[in-house]
Amino acid sequence: MADRNLHPETLALHAGWRADPSTGAVAPPIYQTTSYQFRDAEHAANLFSLKELGNIYTRLGNPTTAILEDRMTAIEGGAAALAVASGQAASAFAIQNLARSGDNIVSSTDLYGGTWNLFANTFRDLGIEVRFVDPADPEAFARATDDRTRAYYAETLPNPKLSVFPIAEVAAIGRRFGIPLIMDNTSAPLLCRPFDHGAAITVYSTTKFIGGHGTSIGGLIVDGGNFDWGAHPDRQPMLNTPDPSYHGAVWSEAAKPLGPIAYILRARVILLRDLGAALSPFNAFQILQGLETLPLRMPRHASNAEAVARFLSARSDVTRVIHPSLQTGVQRERADRYLKGGMGGLLGFELAGGMEAGRKFIDALQLFYHVANIGDARSLAIHPASTTHSQLSADEQASTGVSPGYVRLSVGLEHIDDILADLAQALDAAQ
């Protein structure tokens, strides 16, 4: 099938796999193996020298994982993908594939707490500087750029601020400098297509909406194939100078016979090889099961979240509700421009009673699960200041949009009447 001519709903079921050629099995099999038999010595040598692509060792790639990679590549409209062990690994690899000690990236301040800590602390220890700027002003990315800036990074629908990032504006700024925009699209799969707006790379925690079932950790990096790495040799030395860890390969040249996949090829054969954050075949299979129903689930997540936003806005004990459907001005314009088919399943709000009321609310919930995750089919709630963002200072929490009384909801697929009833009784108990 010509994947690129098919709609996402169809690609989620068919891209990357049709049937097993030997058995006719329609469901993708779990290739629970570490290693693969080479045809002969020449075949093995060709695989290790990248003269041809194929299976060597499951730390580098696996047939089940490859189906997930191919399927998401087709859905995103990209060139290639790399599945990894977690969304956190995807974020780390996405930057480490371009930046080394002494380099820097420019990142939006509006980030998930775990990403902020990775960027502000762990990368600093590795010698990579992350410069945080307010995405409300896209030109802030240009002002923070210097000769050692290797990438821009942002979240499409940042958790917890939920202000949609100006993808096209910042991508255009980056391309003036030869800098790719990396978009974490975890909160908006299918709703947003970052490559259509100029982004070069997307990353996902497939643990979240893509899987949807809350059973399996995973991450994904997708290469849009739309950024000419060889055109910017000084700006992108990792891809344009000989790599001593792979026979002096210059990745922008070595990848040409294989397609516009220099970025993802290096991430696989260097970072995945050396750091080993491989996705297990079983988790890849589980995530594929979730991906098949993603086009059905995302609109329901979005419609339920909008109904919750309207409900909470009418409550006198709620001082603020954060959801794209309630935004105005430039924020709403960006939401309408970049999100199609719904404004996501995440929502935040603040109670008049502050932190203590927030804790009482969390403890009173009966339908919602109190867990550190988003994107499950079931509804979830958490108090970020004391959990997901607790390692951040008060100023850092404020920069990312977390206040002491902020509660985050990931609205699930239950009947909306049942969702609202649980929220109502918990709010009443928190007063």
Protein backbone atom coordinates (compact mmCIF):
# COMPACT_ATOMS: atom_id res chain seq x y z
CA MET A 1 0.00 0.00 0.00
CA ALA A 2 1.10 3.57 -0.65
CA ASP A 3 1.24 4.59 3.01
CA ARG A 4 1.51 8.30 2.40
CA ASN A 5 -1.78 8.35 0.50
CA LEU A 6 -3.70 6.80 3.37
CA HIS A 7 -5.37 8.53 6.30
CA PRO A 8 -4.01 8.23 9.86
CA GLU A 9 -6.95 6.04 10.90
CA THR A 10 -5.92 3.52 8.23
CA LEU A 11 -2.19 3.84 8.82
CA ALA A 12 -2.65 3.09 12.52
CA LEU A 13 -3.93 -0.35 11.52
CA HIS A 14 -1.93 -1.19 8.41
CA ALA A 15 1.36 0.73 8.07
CA GLY A 16 4.55 -1.28 8.41
CA TRP A 17 2.93 -4.73 8.47
CA ARG A 18 0.48 -6.77 6.45
CA ALA A 19 0.96 -10.42 7.35
CA ASP A 20 3.68 -12.89 8.20
CA PRO A 21 5.02 -14.28 4.89
CA SER A 22 5.54 -17.79 6.23
CA THR A 23 2.45 -18.32 8.40
CA GLY A 24 -0.01 -15.71 7.14
CA ALA A 25 -0.47 -14.36 10.70
CA VAL A 26 -2.12 -10.94 10.58
CA ALA A 27 -1.20 -9.72 14.09
CA PRO A 28 2.41 -8.54 14.39
CA PRO A 29 4.37 -11.25 16.19
CA ILE A 30 6.56 -10.67 19.22
CA TYR A 31 10.10 -11.48 18.14
CA GLN A 32 11.40 -12.28 21.62
CA THR A 33 15.00 -12.82 20.59
CA THR A 34 18.34 -11.22 21.34
CA SER A 35 20.17 -12.17 18.14
CA TYR A 36 19.70 -13.00 14.46
CA GLN A 37 21.31 -15.58 12.18
CA PHE A 38 23.39 -14.04 9.41
CA ARG A 39 23.15 -15.63 5.96
CA ASP A 40 26.92 -15.75 5.59
CA ALA A 41 30.08 -13.81 6.48
CA GLU A 42 29.51 -11.23 3.76
CA HIS A 43 25.97 -10.55 4.98
CA ALA A 44 27.23 -9.98 8.53
CA ALA A 45 29.99 -7.65 7.33
CA ASN A 46 27.54 -5.65 5.21
CA LEU A 47 25.20 -5.15 8.16
CA PHE A 48 27.96 -3.95 10.47
CA SER A 49 29.36 -1.60 7.82
CA LEU A 50 25.87 -0.22 7.00
CA LYS A 51 26.09 -1.33 3.38
CA GLU A 52 22.67 -2.82 4.01
CA LEU A 53 20.18 -2.51 6.85
CA GLY A 54 18.91 -5.48 8.82
CA ASN A 55 18.77 -7.19 12.18
CA ILE A 56 21.97 -7.66 14.18
CA TYR A 57 21.07 -7.55 17.87
CA THR A 58 17.87 -6.46 19.62
CA ARG A 59 19.65 -3.63 21.43
CA LEU A 60 19.98 -2.03 17.97
CA GLY A 61 16.69 -3.12 16.44
CA ASN A 62 14.04 -5.82 16.43
CA PRO A 63 11.36 -6.82 13.89
CA THR A 64 8.47 -6.13 16.28
CA THR A 65 9.94 -2.78 17.23
CA ALA A 66 10.51 -2.00 13.56
CA ILE A 67 6.77 -2.32 12.87
CA LEU A 68 6.08 0.31 15.53
CA GLU A 69 8.79 2.55 14.09
CA ASP A 70 7.49 2.19 10.53
CA ARG A 71 3.89 2.72 11.57
CA MET A 72 4.60 5.92 13.48
CA THR A 73 6.85 7.17 10.67
CA ALA A 74 3.95 6.78 8.24
CA ILE A 75 1.45 8.46 10.56
CA GLU A 76 3.79 11.39 11.21
CA GLY A 77 4.76 11.80 7.57
CA GLY A 78 8.44 11.37 8.42
CA ALA A 79 11.41 9.49 6.99
CA ALA A 80 12.41 7.10 9.81
CA ALA A 81 11.94 6.48 13.51
CA LEU A 82 13.79 5.01 16.46
CA ALA A 83 11.92 3.35 19.34
CA VAL A 84 13.60 3.51 22.75
CA ALA A 85 12.92 2.36 26.29
CA SER A 86 11.04 5.44 27.52
CA GLY A 87 9.96 8.95 26.64
CA GLN A 88 12.72 10.24 28.88
CA ALA A 89 15.28 8.31 26.85
CA ALA A 90 13.77 9.75 23.66
CA SER A 91 14.20 13.32 24.97
CA ALA A 92 17.78 12.63 26.05
CA PHE A 93 18.80 10.94 22.79
CA ALA A 94 17.16 13.66 20.71
CA ILE A 95 19.57 16.22 22.18
CA GLN A 96 22.64 14.03 22.63
CA ASN A 97 22.49 13.17 18.94
CA LEU A 98 23.35 16.79 18.13
CA ALA A 99 25.05 18.33 21.16
CA ARG A 100 28.21 17.44 23.06
CA SER A 101 30.08 19.03 25.95
CA GLY A 102 30.50 22.75 25.29
CA ASP A 103 27.41 22.98 23.10
CA ASN A 104 24.01 24.36 23.99
CA ILE A 105 20.36 24.09 23.03
CA VAL A 106 17.53 26.58 23.49
CA SER A 107 14.40 25.17 25.10
CA SER A 108 10.95 26.43 25.91
CA THR A 109 10.36 26.98 29.62
CA ASP A 110 7.01 25.17 29.28
CA LEU A 111 8.11 21.61 29.97
CA TYR A 112 7.19 18.48 31.85
CA GLY A 113 9.08 18.45 35.17
CA GLY A 114 11.17 15.40 34.32
CA THR A 115 12.38 17.02 31.10
CA TRP A 116 13.20 20.26 32.92
CA ASN A 117 15.32 18.38 35.44
CA LEU A 118 17.08 16.42 32.68
CA PHE A 119 17.89 19.65 30.85
CA ALA A 120 18.75 21.88 33.82
CA ASN A 121 20.77 19.42 35.86
CA THR A 122 21.80 16.16 34.18
CA PHE A 123 22.75 17.78 30.87
CA ARG A 124 24.62 20.50 32.76
CA ASP A 125 26.69 17.78 34.41
CA LEU A 126 27.43 16.41 30.93
CA GLY A 127 28.60 19.84 29.76
CA ILE A 128 25.55 20.61 27.60
CA GLU A 129 23.95 23.97 28.44
CA VAL A 130 20.19 24.35 28.09
CA ARG A 131 18.99 27.94 27.74
CA PHE A 132 15.35 28.34 28.76
CA VAL A 133 13.22 31.01 27.06
CA ASP A 134 9.55 31.99 27.21
CA PRO A 135 7.81 30.68 24.07
CA ALA A 136 5.27 33.51 24.23
CA ASP A 137 7.90 35.45 22.24
CA PRO A 138 9.28 33.25 19.44
CA GLU A 139 12.14 35.69 18.82
CA ALA A 140 13.49 34.79 22.26
CA PHE A 141 14.90 31.66 20.62
CA ALA A 142 16.91 33.77 18.18
CA ARG A 143 18.22 36.03 20.96
CA ALA A 144 19.45 33.02 22.95
CA THR A 145 21.27 31.50 19.94
CA ASP A 146 25.04 31.57 19.50
CA ASP A 147 27.61 29.66 17.44
CA ARG A 148 27.39 26.58 19.71
CA THR A 149 23.57 26.28 19.63
CA ARG A 150 22.66 22.92 18.09
CA ALA A 151 18.87 22.58 18.50
CA TYR A 152 15.63 24.15 19.68
CA TYR A 153 13.30 22.07 21.86
CA ALA A 154 9.67 22.44 22.92
CA GLU A 155 6.44 20.60 23.76
CA THR A 156 3.47 20.97 21.42
CA LEU A 157 0.90 21.03 24.20
CA PRO A 158 3.09 21.58 27.26
CA ASN A 159 2.23 19.87 30.48
CA PRO A 160 1.10 21.67 32.64
CA LYS A 161 0.69 25.13 31.02
CA LEU A 162 -1.26 23.78 28.02
CA SER A 163 -0.36 26.81 25.87
CA VAL A 164 0.26 25.51 22.36
CA PHE A 165 3.80 26.17 21.15
CA PRO A 166 4.38 28.45 18.09
CA ILE A 167 5.84 25.66 15.97
CA ALA A 168 6.03 27.34 12.55
CA GLU A 169 7.43 30.59 13.92
CA VAL A 170 10.28 28.98 15.87
CA ALA A 171 10.98 26.39 13.16
CA ALA A 172 11.46 29.20 10.64
CA ILE A 173 13.83 31.03 13.00
CA GLY A 174 15.84 27.86 13.46
CA ARG A 175 16.18 27.17 9.78
CA ARG A 176 17.73 30.63 9.29
CA PHE A 177 20.55 29.49 11.55
CA GLY A 178 20.66 25.83 10.46
CA ILE A 179 19.09 24.76 13.75
CA PRO A 180 16.38 22.03 13.84
CA LEU A 181 13.28 22.31 15.99
CA ILE A 182 12.63 19.19 18.08
CA MET A 183 9.01 18.88 19.19
CA ASP A 184 7.80 16.67 22.01
CA ASN A 185 4.34 15.79 20.69
CA THR A 186 3.43 13.37 23.50
CA SER A 187 0.26 15.21 24.53
CA ALA A 188 -1.09 15.72 21.02
CA PRO A 189 -0.53 12.67 18.79
CA LEU A 190 -2.68 12.86 15.64
CA LEU A 191 -4.09 16.21 16.82
CA CYS A 192 -0.91 17.98 15.71
CA ARG A 193 1.48 17.19 12.86
CA PRO A 194 4.67 19.11 13.70
CA PHE A 195 6.43 18.23 10.43
CA ASP A 196 3.70 20.05 8.50
CA HIS A 197 4.73 23.24 10.32
CA GLY A 198 8.50 22.97 9.86
CA ALA A 199 9.66 20.90 12.83
CA ALA A 200 12.56 18.56 12.01
CA ILE A 201 12.23 15.93 14.75
CA THR A 202 9.38 14.72 16.95
CA VAL A 203 9.69 12.77 20.18
CA TYR A 204 7.06 10.83 22.10
CA SER A 205 6.55 9.05 25.32
CA THR A 206 4.58 6.18 23.81
CA THR A 207 3.67 5.28 27.39
CA LYS A 208 1.01 7.97 27.23
CA PHE A 209 -1.75 8.42 24.64
CA ILE A 210 -0.15 6.27 21.93
CA GLY A 211 -0.21 3.18 24.16
CA GLY A 212 -3.20 4.35 26.13
CA HIS A 213 -3.48 1.27 28.34
CA GLY A 214 -0.94 2.15 31.02
CA THR A 215 0.86 -1.20 30.78
CA SER A 216 4.10 -0.46 28.94
CA ILE A 217 6.85 2.17 29.07
CA GLY A 218 8.28 3.31 25.75
CA GLY A 219 9.59 6.23 23.74
CA LEU A 220 10.00 7.20 20.10
CA ILE A 221 12.04 9.64 18.02
CA VAL A 222 10.81 10.39 14.49
CA ASP A 223 13.04 12.00 11.86
CA GLY A 224 11.02 14.22 9.53
CA GLY A 225 13.56 13.81 6.72
CA ASN A 226 12.96 17.49 5.96
CA PHE A 227 16.16 19.02 7.35
CA ASP A 228 19.34 19.15 5.24
CA TRP A 229 21.99 18.33 7.82
CA GLY A 230 24.79 18.46 5.26
CA ALA A 231 23.96 22.06 4.40
CA HIS A 232 25.05 23.19 7.88
CA PRO A 233 28.42 21.52 8.56
CA ASP A 234 29.65 24.10 11.07
CA ARG A 235 26.33 24.28 12.89
CA GLN A 236 25.88 20.47 13.02
CA PRO A 237 29.34 18.95 13.52
CA MET A 238 28.00 15.71 15.04
CA LEU A 239 26.57 14.78 11.65
CA ASN A 240 29.23 16.39 9.45
CA THR A 241 32.61 15.44 10.90
CA PRO A 242 34.22 11.98 11.02
CA ASP A 243 32.86 9.88 13.86
CA PRO A 244 35.73 7.97 15.48
CA SER A 245 33.32 5.50 17.10
CA TYR A 246 32.13 4.26 13.69
CA HIS A 247 35.15 4.01 11.38
CA GLY A 248 35.22 7.77 10.77
CA ALA A 249 31.74 7.84 9.23
CA VAL A 250 30.39 11.27 8.30
CA TRP A 251 26.71 10.68 8.88
CA SER A 252 25.32 13.27 6.48
CA GLU A 253 27.24 11.43 3.73
CA ALA A 254 27.02 7.84 4.99
CA ALA A 255 23.23 7.96 5.14
CA LYS A 256 22.68 9.24 1.59
CA PRO A 257 22.32 5.78 -0.04
CA LEU A 258 19.70 4.92 2.60
CA GLY A 259 17.60 8.10 2.35
CA PRO A 260 17.28 11.33 4.38
CA ILE A 261 17.86 9.53 7.66
CA ALA A 262 21.26 10.77 8.82
CA TYR A 263 19.89 11.91 12.18
CA ILE A 264 17.98 8.75 13.05
CA LEU A 265 20.73 6.49 11.70
CA ARG A 266 23.31 8.05 14.01
CA ALA A 267 20.92 7.85 16.97
CA ARG A 268 20.49 4.12 16.36
CA VAL A 269 24.03 2.98 15.65
CA ILE A 270 25.76 5.27 18.16
CA LEU A 271 23.46 6.23 21.03
CA LEU A 272 21.26 3.14 21.15
CA ARG A 273 24.31 0.94 20.65
CA ASP A 274 26.38 2.64 23.36
CA LEU A 275 23.77 3.66 25.95
CA GLY A 276 21.47 0.68 25.47
CA ALA A 277 18.03 2.19 26.13
CA ALA A 278 16.33 -0.43 23.95
CA LEU A 279 12.58 -0.95 23.86
CA SER A 280 11.64 -4.55 24.64
CA PRO A 281 9.82 -6.43 21.85
CA PHE A 282 6.95 -7.18 24.23
CA ASN A 283 6.46 -3.50 25.05
CA ALA A 284 6.63 -2.66 21.34
CA PHE A 285 3.83 -5.17 20.74
CA GLN A 286 1.75 -3.70 23.56
CA ILE A 287 2.22 -0.17 22.25
CA LEU A 288 1.18 -1.32 18.77
CA GLN A 289 -2.08 -2.59 20.25
CA GLY A 290 -2.78 0.85 21.66
CA LEU A 291 -1.76 2.63 18.49
CA GLU A 292 -4.43 0.79 16.52
CA THR A 293 -7.20 2.59 18.44
CA LEU A 294 -5.47 5.97 18.88
CA PRO A 295 -7.56 7.66 16.14
CA LEU A 296 -10.72 6.63 18.00
CA ARG A 297 -9.49 7.57 21.45
CA MET A 298 -8.03 11.04 20.89
CA PRO A 299 -11.34 12.71 19.89
CA ARG A 300 -13.04 11.18 22.94
CA HIS A 301 -10.26 12.35 25.26
CA ALA A 302 -10.63 15.84 23.78
CA SER A 303 -14.43 16.05 23.94
CA ASN A 304 -14.51 14.79 27.52
CA ALA A 305 -11.80 17.26 28.55
CA GLU A 306 -13.70 20.17 27.04
CA ALA A 307 -16.82 19.14 28.94
CA VAL A 308 -14.80 18.99 32.17
CA ALA A 309 -13.36 22.44 31.46
CA ARG A 310 -16.85 23.90 31.10
CA PHE A 311 -18.00 22.16 34.28
CA LEU A 312 -15.08 23.39 36.37
CA SER A 313 -15.40 26.92 35.04
CA ALA A 314 -18.89 27.09 36.52
CA ARG A 315 -17.73 26.13 40.02
CA SER A 316 -17.26 28.94 42.54
CA ASP A 317 -14.61 26.94 44.42
CA VAL A 318 -12.39 26.76 41.31
CA THR A 319 -10.37 29.92 40.75
CA ARG A 320 -8.80 29.05 37.40
CA VAL A 321 -9.18 26.41 34.70
CA ILE A 322 -6.36 25.77 32.22
CA HIS A 323 -7.42 24.23 28.90
CA PRO A 324 -6.89 25.39 25.29
CA SER A 325 -10.66 25.59 24.70
CA LEU A 326 -10.87 28.40 27.28
CA GLN A 327 -7.91 30.42 26.03
CA THR A 328 -8.21 33.71 24.14
CA GLY A 329 -6.03 35.92 21.97
CA VAL A 330 -2.76 34.57 20.58
CA GLN A 331 -2.94 31.42 22.72
CA ARG A 332 -6.30 30.47 21.23
CA GLU A 333 -5.11 31.33 17.72
CA ARG A 334 -2.21 28.92 18.12
CA ALA A 335 -4.46 26.21 19.51
CA ASP A 336 -6.80 26.56 16.52
CA ARG A 337 -3.88 26.59 14.08
CA TYR A 338 -1.92 23.62 15.35
CA LEU A 339 -4.51 21.32 16.95
CA LYS A 340 -6.98 19.65 14.59
CA GLY A 341 -9.75 17.34 15.75
CA GLY A 342 -9.64 18.35 19.40
CA MET A 343 -7.58 20.21 21.99
CA GLY A 344 -6.22 17.27 23.93
CA GLY A 345 -7.17 15.32 27.00
CA LEU A 346 -5.16 17.28 29.60
CA LEU A 347 -6.60 19.92 31.87
CA GLY A 348 -5.44 21.87 34.92
CA PHE A 349 -7.21 23.87 37.57
CA GLU A 350 -6.67 25.64 40.87
CA LEU A 351 -8.90 25.48 43.92
CA ALA A 352 -9.71 28.51 46.05
CA GLY A 353 -8.43 26.64 49.09
CA GLY A 354 -4.89 26.27 47.69
CA MET A 355 -2.62 23.32 48.42
CA GLU A 356 -4.67 21.90 51.30
CA ALA A 357 -7.87 21.91 49.23
CA GLY A 358 -5.96 20.30 46.37
CA ARG A 359 -4.83 17.45 48.61
CA LYS A 360 -8.34 16.92 49.96
CA PHE A 361 -9.68 16.86 46.41
CA ILE A 362 -7.13 14.23 45.32
CA ASP A 363 -7.90 12.03 48.34
CA ALA A 364 -11.67 12.25 47.75
CA LEU A 365 -11.59 11.06 44.13
CA GLN A 366 -13.18 7.66 43.53
CA LEU A 367 -13.28 7.21 39.73
CA PHE A 368 -10.09 9.09 38.87
CA TYR A 369 -6.84 7.28 39.62
CA HIS A 370 -4.14 9.15 41.53
CA VAL A 371 -1.10 8.20 39.45
CA ALA A 372 2.00 9.80 37.91
CA ASN A 373 0.99 9.35 34.29
CA ILE A 374 -1.14 10.88 31.54
CA GLY A 375 -2.88 9.51 28.49
CA ASP A 376 -4.45 6.35 29.89
CA ALA A 377 -7.88 5.28 28.69
CA ARG A 378 -8.96 5.79 32.32
CA SER A 379 -9.10 9.20 33.99
CA LEU A 380 -6.10 10.26 36.09
CA ALA A 381 -5.32 13.07 38.53
CA ILE A 382 -2.24 14.35 40.33
CA HIS A 383 -0.90 17.28 42.34
CA PRO A 384 2.29 18.25 40.39
CA ALA A 385 3.91 20.52 43.01
CA SER A 386 4.30 17.60 45.41
CA THR A 387 4.97 14.89 42.80
CA THR A 388 6.02 15.28 39.16
CA HIS A 389 7.54 18.76 39.66
CA SER A 390 8.68 18.36 43.27
CA GLN A 391 12.40 18.30 42.37
CA LEU A 392 12.11 21.81 40.93
CA SER A 393 12.58 24.96 42.97
CA ALA A 394 9.60 27.24 43.61
CA ASP A 395 10.80 29.59 40.85
CA GLU A 396 11.29 26.70 38.43
CA GLN A 397 7.84 25.36 39.25
CA ALA A 398 6.35 28.77 38.53
CA SER A 399 8.23 28.95 35.22
CA THR A 400 6.71 25.67 34.09
CA GLY A 401 3.21 26.70 35.20
CA VAL A 402 2.92 24.78 38.48
CA SER A 403 1.51 26.57 41.52
CA PRO A 404 0.98 25.07 45.01
CA GLY A 405 -2.73 24.57 44.42
CA TYR A 406 -2.55 23.32 40.84
CA VAL A 407 -4.22 19.98 40.04
CA ARG A 408 -3.69 18.20 36.72
CA LEU A 409 -6.28 15.94 35.15
CA SER A 410 -5.82 13.49 32.30
CA VAL A 411 -9.41 13.00 31.23
CA GLY A 412 -10.18 9.47 30.09
CA LEU A 413 -12.76 7.67 28.01
CA GLU A 414 -15.42 7.00 30.67
CA HIS A 415 -18.95 8.33 30.22
CA ILE A 416 -18.84 12.07 30.78
CA ASP A 417 -21.66 11.97 33.35
CA ASP A 418 -19.63 9.60 35.51
CA ILE A 419 -16.52 11.75 35.18
CA LEU A 420 -18.37 14.91 36.20
CA ALA A 421 -20.10 13.18 39.11
CA ASP A 422 -16.76 12.09 40.56
CA LEU A 423 -15.30 15.57 40.18
CA ALA A 424 -18.34 17.12 41.82
CA GLN A 425 -18.24 14.93 44.91
CA ALA A 426 -14.48 15.39 45.29
CA LEU A 427 -14.78 19.17 44.97
CA ASP A 428 -17.53 19.21 47.57
CA ALA A 429 -15.36 17.17 49.94
CA ALA A 430 -12.44 19.58 49.50
CA GLN A 431 -14.37 22.60 50.77
